[in-house]
């Protein structure tokens, strides 16, 4: 009986963790939001199209080359720059309103709120996503 109970609990935990790793369009947007708010640069890069992510990492490599710093190290250090100012890091909140998928393309309409230096702003945006190798990635935001 103990084995069966342990197995059921293990399966429940596994299902809960897998559901949070789903690669749906809304989940990519929410992962980007969380990564942005926690200054997780690599998490944000995981949400954008691999071609653009490689380009950003390449730019980091160029800038890192000037300072003789590895690109990955530079990306890891960027959040620490926030601590060199006395301002709080900007935060965003994304409220998804609608999404539509057509083949390997998707549009996600959302309201985005952001706060920086005591100022609050709101905008309506459309995230454009593309599916690559079974995963959704952000390719543009208007």
Foldseek 3Di string as FASTA:
>chain_A
DVVVVVVVVVVVVVVVVVVLVDQDPVSLVVQLQVCLQVVNQVSVLVQADVVVSVVVLVVLCVVCVVVVHHSVVSSVCVVVVCVVDPWDRKHKDWAWDDKDDDPFKIKTWTKMWMDTPRDIDIDIKIFIWGADPNHIHTHDMD
